[in-house]
C-alpha cells in the first residue's frame, strides 16, 4: 500500500471544508494522484446512511443505532473506496473518519470507548490514517461561523455548546496520545497561517 490516507477532524465551523479544498488543490499542483471523500458517506450506500444520520427529524435515534450506522457506512467506505485507492498508490483525503466516532459518539454521546474500539478493530483490522489534521477552535467561535452561513442545520449541528466542548476535548486528548499521527492546527489563526502549517506537514509526508 503506497498511498497516503489523510483525515480532517474538528468541531463544527472549524474550517475543515475550506482546507480540504486547499489540500486537494495543493496535491494537484504537486502532481500527486488523489481522491477526496467524506464520512459518513463516500459511497452510494454510505451517502444513503448519511441521510439517515443527519436527518434532524430522527430525534429518537438511540446512541447505539447511531454508532452502528457510522461503522456500517465506514465498512463500505473502506472496502469500496479507501483501500482500493491506496492500493493504487493514490492519496486519500477524507473529511472525518474514526476519530470523529470517538469524539461524537464516545465523548459527547457517552458511549464506552472500549465498545467503539471493539467495533473499530472488527471493521478496520488495525488500519489507521497516516496523518490526521485536527482543526481546533473555541466552540463559541465555531458555532457563530455555522450560524453565519444561514440555511438549515443538521441533527448534529443542532446540539448544544456542552456537547461540542466534549467533542473538542476528546479530539485534543486523542492527539496527545499519538502526536506522531496528529497535527493540531489553531483554526483561530489567519487562514494563510493555518494553510502554511498544513503544507509543512504535507511536505514531511512526501519526505521533502
Protein backbone atom coordinates (compact mmCIF):
# COMPACT_ATOMS: atom_id res chain seq x y z
CA UNK A 1 0.00 0.00 0.00
CA UNK A 2 1.91 3.05 -1.24
CA UNK A 3 -0.73 5.78 -0.96
CA UNK A 4 -1.28 8.11 2.00
CA UNK A 5 -4.51 8.39 3.97
CA UNK A 6 -5.18 11.86 5.39
CA UNK A 7 -8.17 12.70 7.57
CA UNK A 8 -9.54 16.07 8.65
CA UNK A 9 -11.26 16.40 12.02
CA UNK A 10 -12.67 19.16 14.20
CA UNK A 11 -15.83 20.66 15.62
CA UNK A 12 -18.43 22.47 13.53
CA UNK A 13 -17.23 25.66 11.86
CA UNK A 14 -13.52 24.96 12.33
CA UNK A 15 -12.68 25.22 8.62
CA UNK A 16 -12.40 21.59 7.52
CA UNK A 17 -14.27 22.09 4.25
CA UNK A 18 -12.22 25.14 3.22
CA UNK A 19 -8.94 23.43 3.96
CA UNK A 20 -9.96 20.16 2.35
CA UNK A 21 -10.26 22.09 -0.93
CA UNK A 22 -6.87 23.69 -0.23
CA UNK A 23 -5.22 20.28 0.31
CA UNK A 24 -6.84 18.96 -2.86
CA UNK A 25 -5.51 21.90 -4.88
CA UNK A 26 -2.05 21.55 -3.33
CA UNK A 27 -1.85 17.85 -4.18
CA UNK A 28 -2.98 18.59 -7.74
CA UNK A 29 -0.26 21.22 -8.08
CA UNK A 30 2.32 18.68 -6.86
CA UNK A 31 1.15 16.11 -9.38
CA UNK A 32 0.02 13.69 -6.67
CA UNK A 33 -2.82 11.40 -7.72
CA UNK A 34 -5.56 11.55 -5.09
CA UNK A 35 -9.24 11.28 -4.26
CA UNK A 36 -11.37 13.28 -1.82
CA UNK A 37 -14.14 11.73 0.22
CA UNK A 38 -16.12 12.14 3.44
CA UNK A 39 -17.72 10.39 6.38
CA UNK A 40 -20.35 9.39 6.93
CA UNK A 41 -20.72 8.81 3.20
CA UNK A 42 -18.17 8.41 0.46
CA UNK A 43 -20.06 5.67 -1.39
CA UNK A 44 -23.61 5.30 -2.67
CA UNK A 45 -24.53 3.14 0.32
CA UNK A 46 -22.64 5.39 2.73
CA UNK A 47 -24.39 8.51 1.45
CA UNK A 48 -27.77 6.84 2.00
CA UNK A 49 -26.75 6.08 5.58
CA UNK A 50 -25.55 9.69 5.95
CA UNK A 51 -29.02 10.98 5.09
CA UNK A 52 -30.44 8.93 7.95
CA UNK A 53 -27.76 10.01 10.43
CA UNK A 54 -28.06 13.73 9.71
CA UNK A 55 -31.84 13.87 9.42
CA UNK A 56 -32.96 16.30 12.14
CA UNK A 57 -36.37 14.62 12.32
CA UNK A 58 -34.83 11.43 13.76
CA UNK A 59 -34.58 12.76 17.30
CA UNK A 60 -35.41 9.33 18.74
CA UNK A 61 -32.29 7.69 17.29
CA UNK A 62 -30.58 5.65 20.01
CA UNK A 63 -26.87 6.17 20.63
CA UNK A 64 -26.11 2.54 19.75
CA UNK A 65 -28.02 2.85 16.48
CA UNK A 66 -26.01 5.95 15.62
CA UNK A 67 -22.74 4.20 16.42
CA UNK A 68 -23.54 1.12 14.34
CA UNK A 69 -24.72 3.20 11.38
CA UNK A 70 -21.46 5.15 11.46
CA UNK A 71 -19.42 1.97 11.29
CA UNK A 72 -21.71 0.42 8.67
CA UNK A 73 -21.03 3.38 6.40
CA UNK A 74 -17.32 3.17 7.26
CA UNK A 75 -17.07 -0.53 6.43
CA UNK A 76 -18.47 0.13 2.96
CA UNK A 77 -16.27 3.20 2.58
CA UNK A 78 -13.10 1.27 3.39
CA UNK A 79 -13.78 -1.73 1.19
CA UNK A 80 -15.23 0.08 -1.79
CA UNK A 81 -13.20 3.27 -1.92
CA UNK A 82 -10.38 3.93 0.56
CA UNK A 83 -8.39 0.68 0.48
CA UNK A 84 -8.59 0.21 -3.32
CA UNK A 85 -7.38 3.79 -3.90
CA UNK A 86 -4.45 3.39 -1.51
CA UNK A 87 -3.52 0.10 -3.17
CA UNK A 88 -3.31 2.01 -6.46
CA UNK A 89 -0.86 4.44 -4.87
CA UNK A 90 -3.32 7.31 -4.57
CA UNK A 91 -3.54 9.68 -1.65
CA UNK A 92 -6.95 9.68 0.02
CA UNK A 93 -8.25 12.78 1.84
CA UNK A 94 -11.33 12.24 3.99
CA UNK A 95 -13.50 14.77 5.78
CA UNK A 96 -13.74 12.81 9.08
CA UNK A 97 -13.02 9.19 9.96
CA UNK A 98 -12.99 7.10 13.16
CA UNK A 99 -11.62 9.87 15.40
CA UNK A 100 -14.99 11.57 14.91
CA UNK A 101 -16.73 8.47 16.27
CA UNK A 102 -14.68 8.57 19.46
CA UNK A 103 -15.37 12.30 19.81
CA UNK A 104 -19.06 12.46 18.87
CA UNK A 105 -20.50 9.06 19.76
CA UNK A 106 -17.96 8.36 22.51
CA UNK A 107 -17.19 11.52 24.46
CA UNK A 108 -20.29 13.53 23.58
CA UNK A 109 -22.92 10.77 23.47
CA UNK A 110 -21.42 8.81 26.33
CA UNK A 111 -20.71 5.54 24.53
CA UNK A 112 -17.94 3.44 26.09
CA UNK A 113 -14.61 3.82 24.30
CA UNK A 114 -13.94 0.08 24.73
CA UNK A 115 -17.09 -0.73 22.77
CA UNK A 116 -16.09 1.66 20.00
CA UNK A 117 -12.60 0.16 19.91
CA UNK A 118 -14.04 -3.34 19.58
CA UNK A 119 -16.12 -2.39 16.54
CA UNK A 120 -13.21 -0.36 15.15
CA UNK A 121 -10.96 -3.43 15.24
CA UNK A 122 -13.61 -5.57 13.57
CA UNK A 123 -14.18 -3.07 10.75
CA UNK A 124 -10.65 -1.70 10.28
CA UNK A 125 -8.41 -4.62 11.26
CA UNK A 126 -5.68 -2.33 12.56
CA UNK A 127 -5.94 0.18 9.72
CA UNK A 128 -5.50 3.86 10.68
CA UNK A 129 -4.93 7.15 8.84
CA UNK A 130 -1.32 8.08 8.17
CA UNK A 131 -1.97 11.68 9.20
CA UNK A 132 -4.90 13.39 10.89
CA UNK A 133 -5.33 17.16 10.92
CA UNK A 134 -7.39 18.43 13.87
CA UNK A 135 -8.78 21.91 13.34
CA UNK A 136 -9.10 23.32 16.85
CA UNK A 137 -11.29 26.32 17.58
CA UNK A 138 -13.19 27.71 20.59
CA UNK A 139 -16.72 26.32 20.40
CA UNK A 140 -18.45 29.68 20.52
CA UNK A 141 -16.43 30.85 17.51
CA UNK A 142 -17.28 27.75 15.51
CA UNK A 143 -20.97 27.94 16.36
CA UNK A 144 -21.03 31.58 15.28
CA UNK A 145 -19.47 30.61 11.96
CA UNK A 146 -22.12 27.91 11.42
CA UNK A 147 -24.89 30.39 12.26
CA UNK A 148 -23.48 32.96 9.83
CA UNK A 149 -23.78 30.50 6.94
CA UNK A 150 -27.55 30.55 7.17
CA UNK A 151 -29.68 27.68 5.97
CA UNK A 152 -30.86 24.65 7.89
CA UNK A 153 -28.71 22.86 10.42
CA UNK A 154 -28.48 19.07 10.57
CA UNK A 155 -29.07 16.77 13.56
CA UNK A 156 -25.52 17.21 14.86
CA UNK A 157 -25.23 20.94 14.27
CA UNK A 158 -28.31 21.45 16.43
CA UNK A 159 -26.54 20.09 19.52
CA UNK A 160 -25.74 22.42 22.43
CA UNK A 161 -22.49 24.08 23.48
CA UNK A 162 -21.62 21.44 26.09
CA UNK A 163 -21.88 18.65 23.50
CA UNK A 164 -19.25 20.30 21.31
CA UNK A 165 -16.98 21.05 24.27
CA UNK A 166 -16.87 17.30 24.90
CA UNK A 167 -16.11 16.69 21.23
CA UNK A 168 -13.29 19.25 21.23
CA UNK A 169 -11.77 17.84 24.41
CA UNK A 170 -11.84 14.30 23.02
CA UNK A 171 -10.02 15.33 19.85
CA UNK A 172 -7.27 17.07 21.82
CA UNK A 173 -6.84 14.09 24.15
CA UNK A 174 -6.50 11.71 21.21
CA UNK A 175 -3.86 13.98 19.70
CA UNK A 176 -1.92 13.93 22.97
CA UNK A 177 -1.91 10.13 22.96
CA UNK A 178 -0.44 9.78 19.46
CA UNK A 179 1.38 13.01 18.50
CA UNK A 180 3.18 11.28 15.63
CA UNK A 181 -0.11 10.85 13.76
CA UNK A 182 -1.98 14.02 14.68
CA UNK A 183 -1.35 17.62 13.68
CA UNK A 184 -3.38 20.04 15.80
CA UNK A 185 -4.00 23.30 13.95
CA UNK A 186 -5.06 26.51 15.68
CA UNK A 187 -8.03 27.31 13.46
CA UNK A 188 -8.43 30.75 15.04
CA UNK A 189 -5.26 31.88 13.24
CA UNK A 190 -5.42 33.69 9.90
CA UNK A 191 -6.22 31.20 7.15
CA UNK A 192 -2.84 31.75 5.49
CA UNK A 193 -1.02 30.58 8.63
CA UNK A 194 -3.27 27.54 9.03
CA UNK A 195 -2.56 26.54 5.46
CA UNK A 196 1.18 27.14 5.84
CA UNK A 197 1.11 24.69 8.77
CA UNK A 198 -0.79 22.18 6.62
CA UNK A 199 1.77 22.43 3.81
CA UNK A 200 4.62 21.91 6.27
CA UNK A 201 3.06 18.63 7.37
CA UNK A 202 2.32 17.52 3.81
CA UNK A 203 5.91 18.19 2.81
CA UNK A 204 7.06 15.98 5.69
CA UNK A 205 4.80 13.21 4.40
CA UNK A 206 6.45 13.50 0.98
CA UNK A 207 9.87 13.39 2.58
CA UNK A 208 10.72 16.89 1.34
